[in-house]
C-alpha cells in the first residue's frame, strides 16, 4: 500500500509502520485511520455510545495508542 493510495503521508523512518497499520486494519476494520491534517494522523474508533478520536504526530505513536485501546479486542499491545 502506498502512502498516496491510502491518503496518508509517512515519514521515511516510519515505513516499517505501514505493515503494522495493515495488520491493525485487518484486525479492526471498523476503525478508520487517516490524515488528521496539520502533519498529524488520526483514528476514529466507533463505540456504542459514540466514538473515540485519537490524533498523533507519528504513525508509530498512533498505532501504540490504538494497541492500548484495543488490547481487549484481540489486538496485541505495541507492535
PDB file of N, CA and C in Angstrom:
ATOM      1  N   UNK A   1       0.856  -1.167   0.000  1.00  0.00           N
ATOM      2  CA  UNK A   1       0.000   0.000   0.000  1.00  0.00           C
ATOM      3  C   UNK A   1       0.902   1.230   0.000  1.00  0.00           C
ATOM      4  N   UNK A   2       0.632   2.153  -0.864  1.00  0.00           N
ATOM      5  CA  UNK A   2       1.439   3.365  -0.915  1.00  0.00           C
ATOM      6  C   UNK A   2       0.808   4.444  -0.047  1.00  0.00           C
ATOM      7  N   UNK A   3       1.620   5.373   0.420  1.00  0.00           N
ATOM      8  CA  UNK A   3       1.110   6.482   1.203  1.00  0.00           C
ATOM      9  C   UNK A   3       0.106   7.309   0.422  1.00  0.00           C
ATOM     10  N   UNK A   4       0.328   7.435  -0.879  1.00  0.00           N
ATOM     11  CA  UNK A   4      -0.583   8.213  -1.716  1.00  0.00           C
ATOM     12  C   UNK A   4      -1.930   7.502  -1.823  1.00  0.00           C
ATOM     13  N   UNK A   5      -1.894   6.203  -2.078  1.00  0.00           N
ATOM     14  CA  UNK A   5      -3.145   5.464  -2.236  1.00  0.00           C
ATOM     15  C   UNK A   5      -3.953   5.426  -0.950  1.00  0.00           C
ATOM     16  N   UNK A   6      -3.291   5.342   0.194  1.00  0.00           N
ATOM     17  CA  UNK A   6      -4.009   5.251   1.464  1.00  0.00           C
ATOM     18  C   UNK A   6      -4.473   6.610   1.965  1.00  0.00           C
ATOM     19  N   UNK A   7      -3.977   7.697   1.368  1.00  0.00           N
ATOM     20  CA  UNK A   7      -4.338   9.026   1.830  1.00  0.00           C
ATOM     21  C   UNK A   7      -3.447   9.509   2.958  1.00  0.00           C
ATOM     22  N   UNK A   8      -2.472   8.706   3.354  1.00  0.00           N
ATOM     23  CA  UNK A   8      -1.558   9.081   4.429  1.00  0.00           C
ATOM     24  C   UNK A   8      -0.178   9.358   3.850  1.00  0.00           C
ATOM     25  N   UNK A   9       0.542  10.258   4.481  1.00  0.00           N
ATOM     26  CA  UNK A   9       1.928  10.535   4.117  1.00  0.00           C
ATOM     27  C   UNK A   9       2.796  10.071   5.262  1.00  0.00           C
ATOM     28  N   UNK A  10       3.764   9.212   4.979  1.00  0.00           N
ATOM     29  CA  UNK A  10       4.604   8.658   6.031  1.00  0.00           C
ATOM     30  C   UNK A  10       5.993   9.276   6.006  1.00  0.00           C
ATOM     31  N   UNK A  11       6.571   9.395   7.187  1.00  0.00           N
ATOM     32  CA  UNK A  11       7.950   9.817   7.292  1.00  0.00           C
ATOM     33  C   UNK A  11       8.832   8.657   6.860  1.00  0.00           C
ATOM     34  N   UNK A  12      10.002   8.926   6.280  1.00  0.00           N
ATOM     35  CA  UNK A  12      10.861   7.826   5.821  1.00  0.00           C
ATOM     36  C   UNK A  12      11.193   6.815   6.924  1.00  0.00           C
ATOM     37  N   UNK A  13      11.332   7.261   8.151  1.00  0.00           N
ATOM     38  CA  UNK A  13      11.670   6.327   9.229  1.00  0.00           C
ATOM     39  C   UNK A  13      10.454   5.573   9.756  1.00  0.00           C
ATOM     40  N   UNK A  14       9.286   5.764   9.148  1.00  0.00           N
ATOM     41  CA  UNK A  14       8.082   5.067   9.585  1.00  0.00           C
ATOM     42  C   UNK A  14       7.575   4.041   8.571  1.00  0.00           C
ATOM     43  N   UNK A  15       8.349   3.778   7.544  1.00  0.00           N
ATOM     44  CA  UNK A  15       7.874   2.846   6.526  1.00  0.00           C
ATOM     45  C   UNK A  15       7.579   1.466   7.112  1.00  0.00           C
ATOM     46  N   UNK A  16       8.294   1.067   8.161  1.00  0.00           N
ATOM     47  CA  UNK A  16       8.017  -0.215   8.811  1.00  0.00           C
ATOM     48  C   UNK A  16       6.636  -0.232   9.464  1.00  0.00           C
ATOM     49  N   UNK A  17       6.109   0.935   9.756  1.00  0.00           N
ATOM     50  CA  UNK A  17       4.801   1.020  10.399  1.00  0.00           C
ATOM     51  C   UNK A  17       3.649   0.764   9.419  1.00  0.00           C
ATOM     52  N   UNK A  18       3.935   0.821   8.120  1.00  0.00           N
ATOM     53  CA  UNK A  18       2.905   0.560   7.117  1.00  0.00           C
ATOM     54  C   UNK A  18       2.403  -0.880   7.251  1.00  0.00           C
ATOM     55  N   UNK A  19       3.308  -1.815   7.481  1.00  0.00           N
ATOM     56  CA  UNK A  19       2.920  -3.219   7.675  1.00  0.00           C
ATOM     57  C   UNK A  19       2.103  -3.355   8.951  1.00  0.00           C
ATOM     58  N   UNK A  20       2.538  -2.683   9.984  1.00  0.00           N
ATOM     59  CA  UNK A  20       1.804  -2.707  11.251  1.00  0.00           C
ATOM     60  C   UNK A  20       0.395  -2.130  11.074  1.00  0.00           C
ATOM     61  N   UNK A  21       0.272  -1.050  10.309  1.00  0.00           N
ATOM     62  CA  UNK A  21      -1.030  -0.453  10.034  1.00  0.00           C
ATOM     63  C   UNK A  21      -1.920  -1.429   9.267  1.00  0.00           C
ATOM     64  N   UNK A  22      -1.363  -2.118   8.285  1.00  0.00           N
ATOM     65  CA  UNK A  22      -2.144  -3.087   7.509  1.00  0.00           C
ATOM     66  C   UNK A  22      -2.668  -4.196   8.415  1.00  0.00           C
ATOM     67  N   UNK A  23      -1.838  -4.686   9.340  1.00  0.00           N
ATOM     68  CA  UNK A  23      -2.284  -5.712  10.289  1.00  0.00           C
ATOM     69  C   UNK A  23      -3.389  -5.182  11.191  1.00  0.00           C
ATOM     70  N   UNK A  24      -3.218  -3.948  11.661  1.00  0.00           N
ATOM     71  CA  UNK A  24      -4.230  -3.356  12.530  1.00  0.00           C
ATOM     72  C   UNK A  24      -5.554  -3.221  11.786  1.00  0.00           C
ATOM     73  N   UNK A  25      -5.499  -2.726  10.561  1.00  0.00           N
ATOM     74  CA  UNK A  25      -6.729  -2.553   9.772  1.00  0.00           C
ATOM     75  C   UNK A  25      -7.430  -3.883   9.516  1.00  0.00           C
ATOM     76  N   UNK A  26      -6.655  -4.937   9.284  1.00  0.00           N
ATOM     77  CA  UNK A  26      -7.260  -6.263   9.062  1.00  0.00           C
ATOM     78  C   UNK A  26      -7.957  -6.752  10.329  1.00  0.00           C
ATOM     79  N   UNK A  27      -7.360  -6.483  11.483  1.00  0.00           N
ATOM     80  CA  UNK A  27      -7.932  -6.929  12.754  1.00  0.00           C
ATOM     81  C   UNK A  27      -9.087  -6.045  13.224  1.00  0.00           C
ATOM     82  N   UNK A  28      -9.091  -4.783  12.786  1.00  0.00           N
ATOM     83  CA  UNK A  28     -10.093  -3.811  13.243  1.00  0.00           C
ATOM     84  C   UNK A  28     -10.640  -3.014  12.057  1.00  0.00           C
ATOM     85  N   UNK A  29     -11.423  -3.653  11.190  1.00  0.00           N
ATOM     86  CA  UNK A  29     -11.906  -2.944  10.000  1.00  0.00           C
ATOM     87  C   UNK A  29     -12.863  -1.796  10.303  1.00  0.00           C
ATOM     88  N   UNK A  30     -13.394  -1.745  11.515  1.00  0.00           N
ATOM     89  CA  UNK A  30     -14.317  -0.666  11.883  1.00  0.00           C
ATOM     90  C   UNK A  30     -13.594   0.610  12.302  1.00  0.00           C
ATOM     91  N   UNK A  31     -12.300   0.528  12.571  1.00  0.00           N
ATOM     92  CA  UNK A  31     -11.519   1.700  12.973  1.00  0.00           C
ATOM     93  C   UNK A  31     -11.000   2.395  11.712  1.00  0.00           C
ATOM     94  N   UNK A  32     -11.260   3.692  11.627  1.00  0.00           N
ATOM     95  CA  UNK A  32     -10.826   4.473  10.468  1.00  0.00           C
ATOM     96  C   UNK A  32      -9.544   5.218  10.830  1.00  0.00           C
ATOM     97  N   UNK A  33      -8.502   5.025  10.013  1.00  0.00           N
ATOM     98  CA  UNK A  33      -7.220   5.687  10.216  1.00  0.00           C
ATOM     99  C   UNK A  33      -6.940   6.525   8.975  1.00  0.00           C
ATOM    100  N   UNK A  34      -6.589   7.791   9.176  1.00  0.00           N
ATOM    101  CA  UNK A  34      -6.313   8.653   8.036  1.00  0.00           C
ATOM    102  C   UNK A  34      -5.527   9.890   8.427  1.00  0.00           C
ATOM    103  N   UNK A  35      -5.349  10.746   7.461  1.00  0.00           N
ATOM    104  CA  UNK A  35      -4.630  12.002   7.641  1.00  0.00           C
ATOM    105  C   UNK A  35      -5.480  12.933   8.505  1.00  0.00           C
ATOM    106  N   UNK A  36      -4.903  13.391   9.613  1.00  0.00           N
ATOM    107  CA  UNK A  36      -5.629  14.282  10.504  1.00  0.00           C
ATOM    108  C   UNK A  36      -5.419  15.752  10.184  1.00  0.00           C
ATOM    109  N   UNK A  37      -4.617  16.036   9.172  1.00  0.00           N
ATOM    110  CA  UNK A  37      -4.310  17.417   8.823  1.00  0.00           C
ATOM    111  C   UNK A  37      -3.237  17.993   9.735  1.00  0.00           C
ATOM    112  N   UNK A  38      -2.621  19.052   9.318  1.00  0.00           N
ATOM    113  CA  UNK A  38      -1.597  19.746  10.103  1.00  0.00           C
ATOM    114  C   UNK A  38      -0.448  18.826  10.513  1.00  0.00           C
ATOM    115  N   UNK A  39      -0.107  17.869   9.653  1.00  0.00           N
ATOM    116  CA  UNK A  39       1.013  16.975   9.924  1.00  0.00           C
ATOM    117  C   UNK A  39       0.714  15.891  10.942  1.00  0.00           C
ATOM    118  N   UNK A  40      -0.553  15.537  11.114  1.00  0.00           N
ATOM    119  CA  UNK A  40      -0.931  14.509  12.082  1.00  0.00           C
ATOM    120  C   UNK A  40      -1.608  13.336  11.384  1.00  0.00           C
ATOM    121  N   UNK A  41      -1.702  12.223  12.124  1.00  0.00           N
ATOM    122  CA  UNK A  41      -2.516  11.086  11.700  1.00  0.00           C
ATOM    123  C   UNK A  41      -3.593  10.903  12.751  1.00  0.00           C
ATOM    124  N   UNK A  42      -4.744  10.413  12.307  1.00  0.00           N
ATOM    125  CA  UNK A  42      -5.888  10.363  13.205  1.00  0.00           C
ATOM    126  C   UNK A  42      -6.622   9.036  13.046  1.00  0.00           C
ATOM    127  N   UNK A  43      -7.219   8.575  14.142  1.00  0.00           N
ATOM    128  CA  UNK A  43      -8.031   7.366  14.105  1.00  0.00           C
ATOM    129  C   UNK A  43      -9.361   7.642  14.786  1.00  0.00           C
ATOM    130  N   UNK A  44     -10.396   6.970  14.263  1.00  0.00           N
ATOM    131  CA  UNK A  44     -11.727   7.066  14.860  1.00  0.00           C
ATOM    132  C   UNK A  44     -12.173   5.656  15.206  1.00  0.00           C
ATOM    133  N   UNK A  45     -12.429   5.430  16.498  1.00  0.00           N
ATOM    134  CA  UNK A  45     -12.876   4.131  16.982  1.00  0.00           C
ATOM    135  C   UNK A  45     -14.350   4.254  17.331  1.00  0.00           C
ATOM    136  N   UNK A  46     -15.226   3.565  16.602  1.00  0.00           N
ATOM    137  CA  UNK A  46     -16.651   3.631  16.935  1.00  0.00           C
ATOM    138  C   UNK A  46     -16.937   2.872  18.231  1.00  0.00           C
ATOM    139  N   UNK A  47     -17.806   3.420  19.047  1.00  0.00           N
ATOM    140  CA  UNK A  47     -18.243   2.814  20.302  1.00  0.00           C
ATOM    141  C   UNK A  47     -19.768   2.882  20.351  1.00  0.00           C
ATOM    142  N   UNK A  48     -20.404   2.012  21.126  1.00  0.00           N
ATOM    143  CA  UNK A  48     -21.866   2.031  21.196  1.00  0.00           C
ATOM    144  C   UNK A  48     -22.448   3.391  21.610  1.00  0.00           C
ATOM    145  N   UNK A  49     -21.716   4.128  22.444  1.00  0.00           N
ATOM    146  CA  UNK A  49     -22.223   5.412  22.939  1.00  0.00           C
ATOM    147  C   UNK A  49     -21.556   6.616  22.274  1.00  0.00           C
ATOM    148  N   UNK A  50     -20.920   6.397  21.134  1.00  0.00           N
ATOM    149  CA  UNK A  50     -20.261   7.496  20.435  1.00  0.00           C
ATOM    150  C   UNK A  50     -19.025   7.008  19.702  1.00  0.00           C
ATOM    151  N   UNK A  51     -17.932   7.721  19.868  1.00  0.00           N
ATOM    152  CA  UNK A  51     -16.679   7.334  19.233  1.00  0.00           C
ATOM    153  C   UNK A  51     -15.507   7.931  19.992  1.00  0.00           C
ATOM    154  N   UNK A  52     -14.336   7.363  19.757  1.00  0.00           N
ATOM    155  CA  UNK A  52     -13.092   7.895  20.314  1.00  0.00           C
ATOM    156  C   UNK A  52     -12.261   8.363  19.130  1.00  0.00           C
ATOM    157  N   UNK A  53     -11.762   9.581  19.195  1.00  0.00           N
ATOM    158  CA  UNK A  53     -10.894  10.122  18.151  1.00  0.00           C
ATOM    159  C   UNK A  53      -9.524  10.357  18.768  1.00  0.00           C
ATOM    160  N   UNK A  54      -8.499   9.822  18.113  1.00  0.00           N
ATOM    161  CA  UNK A  54      -7.126   9.949  18.594  1.00  0.00           C
ATOM    162  C   UNK A  54      -6.303  10.617  17.500  1.00  0.00           C
ATOM    163  N   UNK A  55      -5.501  11.583  17.879  1.00  0.00           N
ATOM    164  CA  UNK A  55      -4.636  12.282  16.935  1.00  0.00           C
ATOM    165  C   UNK A  55      -3.210  12.250  17.472  1.00  0.00           C
ATOM    166  N   UNK A  56      -2.278  11.878  16.617  1.00  0.00           N
ATOM    167  CA  UNK A  56      -0.862  11.846  16.991  1.00  0.00           C
ATOM    168  C   UNK A  56      -0.041  12.393  15.822  1.00  0.00           C
ATOM    169  N   UNK A  57       1.209  12.757  16.107  1.00  0.00           N
ATOM    170  CA  UNK A  57       2.081  13.299  15.065  1.00  0.00           C
ATOM    171  C   UNK A  57       2.775  12.220  14.251  1.00  0.00           C
ATOM    172  N   UNK A  58       2.914  11.007  14.784  1.00  0.00           N
ATOM    173  CA  UNK A  58       3.540   9.938  14.017  1.00  0.00           C
ATOM    174  C   UNK A  58       2.631   8.723  13.994  1.00  0.00           C
ATOM    175  N   UNK A  59       2.782   7.938  12.946  1.00  0.00           N
ATOM    176  CA  UNK A  59       2.001   6.716  12.820  1.00  0.00           C
ATOM    177  C   UNK A  59       2.349   5.743  13.943  1.00  0.00           C
ATOM    178  N   UNK A  60       3.612   5.665  14.313  1.00  0.00           N
ATOM    179  CA  UNK A  60       4.039   4.785  15.409  1.00  0.00           C
ATOM    180  C   UNK A  60       3.298   5.143  16.704  1.00  0.00           C
ATOM    181  N   UNK A  61       3.248   6.431  17.036  1.00  0.00           N
ATOM    182  CA  UNK A  61       2.550   6.863  18.258  1.00  0.00           C
ATOM    183  C   UNK A  61       1.062   6.521  18.189  1.00  0.00           C
ATOM    184  N   UNK A  62       0.457   6.722  17.020  1.00  0.00           N
ATOM    185  CA  UNK A  62      -0.954   6.425  16.859  1.00  0.00           C
ATOM    186  C   UNK A  62      -1.212   4.931  17.027  1.00  0.00           C
ATOM    187  N   UNK A  63      -0.408   4.101  16.383  1.00  0.00           N
ATOM    188  CA  UNK A  63      -0.599   2.657  16.493  1.00  0.00           C
ATOM    189  C   UNK A  63      -0.329   2.153  17.905  1.00  0.00           C
ATOM    190  N   UNK A  64       0.616   2.761  18.601  1.00  0.00           N
ATOM    191  CA  UNK A  64       0.848   2.396  20.006  1.00  0.00           C
ATOM    192  C   UNK A  64      -0.401   2.661  20.838  1.00  0.00           C
ATOM    193  N   UNK A  65      -0.990   3.833  20.664  1.00  0.00           N
ATOM    194  CA  UNK A  65      -2.196   4.186  21.426  1.00  0.00           C
ATOM    195  C   UNK A  65      -3.371   3.298  21.026  1.00  0.00           C
ATOM    196  N   UNK A  66      -3.526   3.039  19.743  1.00  0.00           N
ATOM    197  CA  UNK A  66      -4.599   2.155  19.292  1.00  0.00           C
ATOM    198  C   UNK A  66      -4.418   0.759  19.873  1.00  0.00           C
ATOM    199  N   UNK A  67      -3.178   0.299  19.963  1.00  0.00           N
ATOM    200  CA  UNK A  67      -2.899  -1.001  20.562  1.00  0.00           C
ATOM    201  C   UNK A  67      -3.342  -1.053  22.013  1.00  0.00           C
ATOM    202  N   UNK A  68      -3.103   0.033  22.745  1.00  0.00           N
ATOM    203  CA  UNK A  68      -3.540   0.105  24.148  1.00  0.00           C
ATOM    204  C   UNK A  68      -5.060   0.066  24.247  1.00  0.00           C
ATOM    205  N   UNK A  69      -5.721   0.844  23.408  1.00  0.00           N
ATOM    206  CA  UNK A  69      -7.175   0.973  23.499  1.00  0.00           C
ATOM    207  C   UNK A  69      -7.926  -0.245  22.981  1.00  0.00           C
ATOM    208  N   UNK A  70      -7.308  -1.003  22.095  1.00  0.00           N
ATOM    209  CA  UNK A  70      -7.996  -2.165  21.523  1.00  0.00           C
ATOM    210  C   UNK A  70      -7.425  -3.484  22.022  1.00  0.00           C
ATOM    211  N   UNK A  71      -6.571  -3.446  23.036  1.00  0.00           N
ATOM    212  CA  UNK A  71      -5.913  -4.668  23.529  1.00  0.00           C
ATOM    213  C   UNK A  71      -6.927  -5.720  23.936  1.00  0.00           C
ATOM    214  N   UNK A  72      -8.053  -5.337  24.481  1.00  0.00           N
ATOM    215  CA  UNK A  72      -9.088  -6.289  24.866  1.00  0.00           C
ATOM    216  C   UNK A  72      -9.864  -6.843  23.690  1.00  0.00           C
ATOM    217  N   UNK A  73      -9.618  -6.284  22.493  1.00  0.00           N
ATOM    218  CA  UNK A  73     -10.339  -6.723  21.291  1.00  0.00           C
ATOM    219  C   UNK A  73      -9.539  -7.731  20.478  1.00  0.00           C
ATOM    220  N   UNK A  74      -8.502  -8.313  21.086  1.00  0.00           N
ATOM    221  CA  UNK A  74      -7.698  -9.313  20.374  1.00  0.00           C
ATOM    222  C   UNK A  74      -6.432  -8.768  19.757  1.00  0.00           C
ATOM    223  N   UNK A  75      -6.226  -7.482  19.777  1.00  0.00           N
ATOM    224  CA  UNK A  75      -5.025  -6.860  19.217  1.00  0.00           C
ATOM    225  C   UNK A  75      -3.941  -6.867  20.295  1.00  0.00           C
ATOM    226  N   UNK A  76      -2.713  -7.237  19.889  1.00  0.00           N
ATOM    227  CA  UNK A  76      -1.601  -7.213  20.830  1.00  0.00           C
ATOM    228  C   UNK A  76      -1.202  -5.778  21.113  1.00  0.00           C
ATOM    229  N   UNK A  77      -0.705  -5.549  22.325  1.00  0.00           N
ATOM    230  CA  UNK A  77      -0.162  -4.239  22.662  1.00  0.00           C
ATOM    231  C   UNK A  77       1.136  -4.030  21.903  1.00  0.00           C
ATOM    232  N   UNK A  78       1.403  -2.775  21.574  1.00  0.00           N
ATOM    233  CA  UNK A  78       2.664  -2.460  20.903  1.00  0.00           C
ATOM    234  C   UNK A  78       2.698  -2.984  19.490  1.00  0.00           C
ATOM    235  N   UNK A  79       3.881  -3.356  19.022  1.00  0.00           N
ATOM    236  CA  UNK A  79       3.919  -3.836  17.664  1.00  0.00           C
ATOM    237  C   UNK A  79       5.231  -4.353  17.372  1.00  0.00           C
TER     238      UNK A  79
END
